[in-house]
Protein backbone atom coordinates (compact mmCIF):
# COMPACT_ATOMS: atom_id res chain seq x y z
CA MET A 1 163.00 196.62 84.71
CA MET A 2 165.43 197.84 86.75
CA ARG A 3 168.04 195.54 85.99
CA TYR A 4 167.60 195.93 82.08
CA LEU A 5 168.08 199.78 82.73
CA LEU A 6 171.29 199.34 84.70
CA PHE A 7 172.62 196.91 81.87
CA LEU A 8 171.90 199.24 79.22
CA THR A 9 173.17 202.47 81.26
CA THR A 10 176.38 201.03 82.55
CA ILE A 11 177.29 197.44 81.49
CA ALA A 12 176.47 197.77 77.55
CA PRO A 13 178.36 200.84 76.79
CA LEU A 14 181.47 199.26 78.22
CA VAL A 15 181.25 195.89 76.25
CA ILE A 16 180.48 197.90 73.11
CA ALA A 17 183.55 200.02 73.85
CA LYS A 18 185.65 196.82 74.16
CA HIS A 19 184.43 195.77 71.00
CA TYR A 20 185.25 198.63 68.80
CA SER A 21 188.31 199.92 70.33
CA LYS A 22 190.18 198.07 68.53
CA SER A 23 189.19 199.64 65.07
CA VAL A 24 188.81 203.31 65.48
CA ALA A 25 191.74 205.49 65.02
CA LYS A 26 192.14 208.00 67.57
CA VAL A 27 192.02 211.66 66.50
CA THR A 28 193.92 214.72 68.22
CA SER A 29 194.28 218.00 67.95
CA VAL A 30 197.85 218.96 66.93
CA PRO A 31 198.35 222.75 67.10
CA GLY A 32 200.14 223.59 63.70
CA ALA A 33 199.90 220.46 62.53
CA ALA A 34 199.90 219.56 58.43
CA GLY A 35 196.44 218.90 57.18
CA GLY A 36 195.25 222.65 57.26
CA ASN A 37 193.05 222.00 60.33
CA GLY A 38 195.66 220.93 62.88
CA THR A 39 194.05 217.65 63.39
CA ALA A 40 196.00 214.33 63.58
CA CYS A 41 194.55 210.98 62.89
CA THR A 42 196.65 207.99 64.86
CA ALA A 43 196.01 204.53 63.62
CA THR A 44 197.49 202.16 66.41
CA GLU A 45 196.48 199.14 64.49
CA TYR A 46 196.89 197.75 60.95
CA ALA A 47 193.10 197.57 60.35
CA GLN A 48 192.71 201.26 60.85
CA ILE A 49 195.09 202.54 58.23
CA THR A 50 192.50 202.49 55.46
CA SER A 51 190.46 204.68 57.01
CA VAL A 52 192.75 207.41 58.12
CA VAL A 53 194.17 207.36 54.63
CA LYS A 54 190.84 207.92 53.48
CA SER A 55 189.65 210.88 56.01
CA CYS A 56 192.71 212.46 57.12
CA LYS A 57 195.74 214.63 55.60
CA ASN A 58 197.82 214.03 58.86
CA ILE A 59 198.22 210.60 59.79
CA VAL A 60 200.47 208.80 62.77
CA LEU A 61 201.22 205.33 62.12
CA ASP A 62 202.04 204.52 65.81
CA ASN A 63 203.66 200.96 66.55
CA ILE A 64 202.03 199.35 63.49
CA SER A 65 202.22 195.25 63.41
CA ALA A 66 201.06 194.64 59.88
CA PRO A 67 200.13 190.91 59.91
CA ALA A 68 201.50 188.45 57.07
CA SER A 69 200.64 189.45 53.22
CA SER A 70 199.29 192.81 54.22
CA THR A 71 200.71 196.03 53.04
CA ILE A 72 200.83 199.07 54.25
CA ASP A 73 199.32 200.70 51.39
CA LEU A 74 199.86 204.43 51.55
CA LYS A 75 199.22 204.81 47.51
CA ALA A 76 195.80 206.91 48.06
CA LEU A 77 197.09 209.40 50.01
CA GLN A 78 195.30 212.98 49.76
CA THR A 79 197.36 215.25 48.15
CA GLY A 80 199.18 217.43 50.88
CA SER A 81 199.30 214.55 53.02
CA THR A 82 201.74 214.08 55.93
CA VAL A 83 202.71 210.43 57.38
CA THR A 84 204.65 210.05 60.38
CA PHE A 85 205.90 206.51 61.41
CA SER A 86 205.95 206.19 65.36
CA GLY A 87 206.91 203.60 67.75
CA THR A 88 208.12 200.18 66.01
CA THR A 89 206.60 199.16 62.55
CA SER A 90 206.72 195.67 62.21
CA PHE A 91 205.58 193.09 59.69
CA GLY A 92 204.62 189.30 59.93
CA LYS A 93 206.53 186.84 57.09
CA THR A 94 205.19 186.82 53.80
CA SER A 95 206.92 184.40 51.63
CA ASP A 96 206.24 186.02 48.05
CA ASN A 97 208.52 187.39 45.78
CA GLY A 98 205.81 190.06 44.45
CA PHE A 99 204.88 191.18 47.81
CA ASP A 100 205.38 194.97 49.03
CA PRO A 101 205.38 195.56 52.76
CA ILE A 102 204.76 199.23 52.37
CA VAL A 103 203.80 201.33 48.96
CA ILE A 104 203.78 205.02 48.89
CA GLY A 105 202.29 207.46 46.17
CA GLY A 106 200.85 210.95 45.70
CA THR A 107 201.70 214.47 45.20
CA ASP A 108 202.89 216.79 47.47
CA ILE A 109 203.38 213.99 50.12
CA THR A 110 205.70 214.29 53.56
CA ILE A 111 206.58 211.03 54.58
CA THR A 112 208.65 211.42 58.12
CA GLY A 113 209.49 209.41 61.65
CA ALA A 114 208.99 210.69 64.99
CA ASP A 115 212.32 210.55 67.47
CA GLY A 116 212.91 207.05 68.45
CA HIS A 117 211.07 205.25 65.88
CA VAL A 118 212.14 202.25 63.83
CA ILE A 119 210.41 200.38 60.56
CA ASP A 120 211.48 196.93 60.97
CA GLY A 121 211.84 194.49 57.88
CA ASN A 122 212.09 191.13 59.51
CA GLY A 123 215.12 190.39 57.32
CA PRO A 124 216.41 187.56 59.55
CA ALA A 125 212.79 185.49 58.77
CA TYR A 126 214.06 185.54 55.39
CA TRP A 127 217.75 185.59 55.11
CA ASP A 128 219.48 182.59 53.32
CA GLY A 129 222.52 184.47 51.72
CA GLN A 130 220.84 184.17 48.06
CA GLY A 131 218.65 187.54 48.26
CA SER A 132 216.41 187.42 45.19
CA ASN A 133 218.78 184.93 43.34
CA GLY A 134 216.81 181.74 44.75
CA GLY A 135 216.44 180.16 48.10
CA VAL A 136 213.42 180.76 49.80
CA ALA A 137 210.81 183.49 48.85
CA LYS A 138 210.70 186.64 50.24
CA PRO A 139 209.56 190.11 49.35
CA ASP A 140 212.02 191.67 46.57
CA HIS A 141 211.14 195.54 47.49
CA PHE A 142 210.67 196.54 50.95
CA ILE A 143 209.44 200.01 50.09
CA VAL A 144 208.10 200.69 46.98
CA LEU A 145 207.66 204.53 46.01
CA LYS A 146 205.65 205.04 42.95
CA ASP A 147 205.13 208.18 41.06
CA MET A 148 205.41 210.49 44.02
CA THR A 149 205.26 214.08 42.46
CA ASN A 150 206.89 217.26 44.48
CA SER A 151 206.96 214.77 47.76
CA HIS A 152 209.78 214.83 50.56
CA ILE A 153 210.99 211.83 52.71
CA SER A 154 213.23 212.53 55.73
CA ASN A 155 214.50 211.25 59.35
CA LEU A 156 213.02 207.80 59.09
CA ASN A 157 215.08 204.90 60.76
CA ILE A 158 214.74 201.62 58.56
CA ARG A 159 216.78 198.15 59.51
CA ASN A 160 216.47 194.51 58.51
CA TRP A 161 214.74 194.83 55.14
CA PRO A 162 214.67 191.27 53.24
CA VAL A 163 216.05 191.89 49.79
CA HIS A 164 216.07 195.37 48.28
CA CYS A 165 214.80 198.42 50.43
CA PHE A 166 213.65 201.31 48.52
CA ASP A 167 212.29 200.85 44.82
CA ILE A 168 211.54 204.03 43.41
CA THR A 169 209.54 204.26 39.76
CA GLY A 170 208.30 207.23 38.22
CA ALA A 171 209.36 209.98 40.47
CA ASN A 172 209.35 213.76 39.56
CA GLY A 173 210.44 216.23 42.35
CA LEU A 174 211.08 213.78 44.94
CA THR A 175 213.60 214.89 47.98
CA ILE A 176 215.14 212.15 50.54
CA THR A 177 217.03 213.17 53.21
CA GLY A 178 218.35 212.53 56.42
CA LEU A 179 217.31 208.68 56.45
CA THR A 180 219.52 205.86 58.06
CA LEU A 181 219.07 202.33 56.29
CA ASP A 182 220.91 199.56 58.79
CA ASN A 183 221.01 195.75 57.28
CA SER A 184 224.21 195.46 59.17
CA ALA A 185 222.71 192.48 60.85
CA GLY A 186 222.87 190.28 57.94
CA ASP A 187 226.39 190.78 57.57
CA ALA A 188 226.87 187.49 59.67
CA SER A 189 226.36 184.01 58.09
CA ASN A 190 223.25 181.84 59.48
CA SER A 191 222.29 178.54 59.51
CA ALA A 192 220.86 179.10 55.89
CA SER A 193 223.53 180.82 54.12
CA GLY A 194 226.18 178.62 53.73
CA GLY A 195 228.80 180.78 55.47
CA LYS A 196 227.83 183.89 53.66
CA ALA A 197 226.56 186.96 54.60
CA ALA A 198 222.85 186.24 55.38
CA ALA A 199 221.65 189.27 53.54
CA HIS A 200 222.12 189.56 49.96
CA ASN A 201 220.96 191.67 46.86
CA SER A 202 220.03 194.46 49.73
CA ASP A 203 219.99 197.30 47.64
CA GLY A 204 219.74 200.42 49.68
CA PHE A 205 218.16 202.74 46.81
CA ASP A 206 217.20 201.53 43.44
CA ILE A 207 216.08 204.42 41.25
CA SER A 208 214.69 204.04 37.52
CA GLY A 209 212.30 206.36 35.47
CA SER A 210 212.41 209.37 37.89
CA THR A 211 213.38 212.73 37.16
CA ASN A 212 214.43 215.45 39.57
CA VAL A 213 215.12 213.48 42.48
CA VAL A 214 217.93 214.65 45.31
CA LEU A 215 218.95 211.91 47.83
CA ALA A 216 220.84 213.41 50.39
CA ASN A 217 222.56 212.94 54.02
CA THR A 218 221.52 209.27 54.34
CA VAL A 219 223.47 206.27 55.99
CA VAL A 220 223.54 203.11 54.25
CA LYS A 221 225.11 199.85 55.95
CA ASN A 222 224.09 196.67 53.52
CA GLN A 223 225.50 194.07 51.28
CA ASP A 224 224.98 195.25 47.87
CA ASP A 225 224.47 198.74 46.00
CA CYS A 226 224.40 201.74 48.33
CA VAL A 227 222.07 203.55 45.56
CA ALA A 228 221.64 202.25 41.98
CA VAL A 229 220.29 204.22 39.27
CA THR A 230 218.98 202.10 36.26
CA SER A 231 217.23 205.23 34.63
CA GLY A 232 216.12 208.09 35.02
CA THR A 233 217.17 212.10 34.45
CA ASN A 234 218.52 215.09 36.71
CA ILE A 235 219.20 212.94 39.95
CA THR A 236 221.26 214.34 42.48
CA VAL A 237 223.04 211.95 45.43
CA THR A 238 225.10 213.91 47.61
CA GLY A 239 226.12 213.50 51.28
CA MET A 240 225.97 209.73 51.56
CA THR A 241 227.84 207.43 54.21
CA CYS A 242 227.85 203.66 52.42
CA PHE A 243 229.04 200.99 54.42
CA GLY A 244 229.52 197.33 53.67
CA GLY A 245 227.85 197.16 50.11
CA HIS A 246 228.54 197.74 46.39
CA GLY A 247 228.78 201.72 46.28
CA LEU A 248 227.39 204.24 44.58
CA SER A 249 226.06 202.65 41.06
CA ILE A 250 224.78 203.45 37.45
CA GLY A 251 223.08 200.26 36.24
CA SER A 252 222.65 197.75 35.43
CA VAL A 253 221.43 199.37 32.52
CA GLY A 254 220.32 197.80 29.20
CA GLY A 255 217.60 195.19 28.49
CA LYS A 256 214.96 197.03 30.41
CA SER A 257 211.90 199.14 29.14
CA ASP A 258 213.81 202.40 30.07
CA ASN A 259 217.52 202.17 29.17
CA THR A 260 218.38 206.00 29.58
CA VAL A 261 220.56 207.46 32.32
CA SER A 262 221.16 211.23 32.04
CA GLY A 263 222.53 214.10 34.12
CA ILE A 264 223.22 212.11 37.26
CA THR A 265 225.46 213.80 40.13
CA PHE A 266 227.07 211.63 43.04
CA SER A 267 228.73 214.06 45.44
CA ASP A 268 230.07 214.69 48.87
CA SER A 269 230.00 210.89 50.29
CA THR A 270 232.07 208.42 51.61
CA VAL A 271 232.21 204.79 50.69
CA THR A 272 233.69 202.59 53.05
CA ASP A 273 234.63 198.60 53.65
CA SER A 274 232.69 198.11 50.37
CA ASP A 275 233.10 196.01 47.27
CA ASN A 276 233.18 198.90 45.01
CA GLY A 277 233.56 202.92 45.22
CA CYS A 278 232.10 204.28 41.99
CA ARG A 279 230.84 202.13 39.57
CA ILE A 280 229.11 202.11 36.02
CA LYS A 281 227.66 198.69 34.71
CA THR A 282 225.93 198.07 31.58
CA ASN A 283 224.35 194.73 30.14
CA SER A 284 226.13 192.67 28.08
CA GLY A 285 224.31 192.43 24.56
CA LYS A 286 221.75 195.22 25.02
CA THR A 287 221.39 198.61 24.09
CA GLY A 288 220.96 201.96 26.00
CA THR A 289 222.42 205.25 26.80
CA VAL A 290 224.36 206.68 29.77
CA GLU A 291 225.30 210.29 29.47
CA ASN A 292 226.39 213.21 31.75
CA ILE A 293 227.30 211.29 34.77
CA LEU A 294 229.50 213.25 37.55
CA TYR A 295 231.28 211.37 40.20
CA GLN A 296 232.52 214.49 42.62
CA ASN A 297 234.11 214.68 45.78
CA ILE A 298 233.80 211.14 46.89
CA VAL A 299 236.25 209.36 49.45
CA LEU A 300 236.75 205.64 49.38
CA SER A 301 238.32 203.55 52.00
CA GLY A 302 238.77 199.56 52.37
CA ILE A 303 237.30 198.79 48.90
CA THR A 304 238.03 195.22 47.91
CA THR A 305 237.20 194.99 44.42
CA TYR A 306 237.47 198.18 42.12
CA GLY A 307 237.44 201.60 43.15
CA ILE A 308 236.24 202.92 39.81
CA ASP A 309 234.79 200.58 37.98
CA VAL A 310 233.25 200.72 34.45
CA GLN A 311 232.25 197.78 33.27
CA GLN A 312 230.31 196.80 29.72
CA ASP A 313 229.98 192.98 30.33
CA TYR A 314 227.82 193.00 33.20
CA LEU A 315 225.46 189.80 33.80
CA ASN A 316 223.88 189.21 36.96
CA GLY A 317 225.60 185.80 37.21
CA GLY A 318 228.97 187.80 37.08
CA PRO A 319 230.76 189.92 34.15
CA THR A 320 231.96 187.68 30.88
CA GLY A 321 235.26 189.47 30.27
CA ASP A 322 233.98 190.36 26.86
CA PRO A 323 232.45 193.90 26.59
CA THR A 324 229.44 194.78 24.20
CA ASN A 325 228.83 198.12 22.89
CA GLY A 326 225.22 198.27 22.50
CA VAL A 327 224.94 200.66 25.36
CA LYS A 328 227.13 203.96 24.65
CA ILE A 329 228.59 205.94 27.52
CA SER A 330 229.60 209.44 27.23
CA GLY A 331 230.56 212.39 29.39
CA VAL A 332 231.62 210.97 32.38
CA THR A 333 233.77 212.60 34.81
CA PHE A 334 235.58 211.47 37.95
CA SER A 335 236.70 214.68 40.11
CA ASN A 336 238.40 214.71 43.39
CA VAL A 337 237.80 210.81 44.03
CA THR A 338 240.40 209.64 46.25
CA GLY A 339 240.85 206.80 48.86
CA THR A 340 242.69 203.71 49.36
CA ALA A 341 241.34 199.92 48.04
CA THR A 342 242.60 196.51 49.74
CA SER A 343 245.42 194.57 49.02
CA ARG A 344 242.86 192.14 47.03
CA GLY A 345 241.36 195.04 45.27
CA THR A 346 242.18 196.98 42.14
CA ASN A 347 242.07 200.64 41.89
CA TYR A 348 240.78 201.08 38.42
CA TYR A 349 239.19 198.92 36.18
CA VAL A 350 237.42 200.35 32.67
CA LEU A 351 236.22 197.53 30.06
CA CYS A 352 234.62 199.44 27.38
CA GLY A 353 232.92 197.86 24.09
CA SER A 354 234.26 198.89 20.68
CA SER A 355 233.67 202.66 20.48
CA SER A 356 230.90 202.65 22.98
CA CYS A 357 232.97 204.97 25.18
CA SER A 358 233.79 208.75 24.72
CA ASP A 359 234.45 211.88 26.80
CA PHE A 360 235.71 210.56 30.17
CA LYS A 361 237.48 213.06 32.28
CA PHE A 362 239.69 212.18 35.51
CA THR A 363 240.62 215.19 37.74
CA ASP A 364 242.13 214.80 40.69
CA VAL A 365 242.01 211.36 41.03
CA ALA A 366 243.85 209.19 43.18
CA ILE A 367 243.22 205.65 44.49
CA THR A 368 245.76 203.27 45.91
CA GLY A 369 246.39 200.34 48.07
CA GLY A 370 244.69 197.75 45.28
CA GLY A 371 247.26 194.98 45.02
CA THR A 372 245.64 193.81 41.50
CA ALA A 373 246.93 195.69 38.86
CA SER A 374 244.64 198.27 37.20
CA THR A 375 243.73 198.14 33.59
CA CYS A 376 241.57 200.63 31.60
CA ASN A 377 240.80 199.97 27.80
CA PHE A 378 239.55 203.55 27.64
CA PRO A 379 240.36 206.42 27.19
CA SER A 380 243.47 205.68 25.01
CA THR A 381 245.84 207.15 27.79
CA GLY A 382 244.83 204.49 30.32
CA CYS A 383 244.13 204.54 33.83
CA PRO A 384 244.46 207.52 35.89
CA SER A 385 248.20 207.85 37.43
């Protein structure tokens, strides 16, 4: 009997504690923490995330390792929640084009990162130089922001995403600031990429169907669009530092569920060692509207294809050279856009469809160095001098 009592009072609690310690989130009191009562719930394992999202408004995700086919699902965050990524967030390999490693939604949400954290998308496990155009199956979107309202995302360090990084849809009143996106490890070729950069289609931010969005003071090192707005209204992109990709883009527009882009500002940004600088692309044979677009105070350097590029012949497989006029482009201003293209680049290229472009303004625009002659079929005065 004494042995049984000894087991119950000493050994059994240790066995039970060991059994459950891996599934119970840590709850700590944090003075002044968001969430009203100052209590923070820290998940240290993937299996704990669902419970902390349900029960807490101040959440820390600490050194989370998400298994294969396991989304960090933050769609059901309580209104007013704060989520802090801490340590290293990592992911098992999931060979599925439709898999989203991180999904976030909600109202009055704050997403941020602790000092020294990193979110690593395990890109080298997928990179084959083809991105979403073929090759091995790979998650097409790394972080999906869906229907976020009056929310803030700041101070995240993200690296090595498989294909596109941020997919932002249905946002209203979203501010993103102070992020570092580094996919530069994908610049080099690997055994699967045939001598090309291993990472491909690695857009930093794809924004669609959203309004009142601010993206500011963010660094993007990648192999495709730094930012691409394909639909939406009243969007400001400012203070960007873009390396190695395809620049600051509108489009491609046309042939999608929403084909209106209106009131977009790109300002006070740099684009370095990239294919393009400022780019508007509409899809061949499709319809839509692009209006009230401002590129202001943009500095370009080392542009290898086009400094300023407006094309109405876009296809993902390559431009056709034959512009169409189904997408109307109007009210486009390039102000104080300056810098250099390389000897194999072109300073300016504008290819509009018949009567589909109107009201273009070029003020204090000066791009030099391109070794291929500029061509602009609109406006009638030609390319900026």
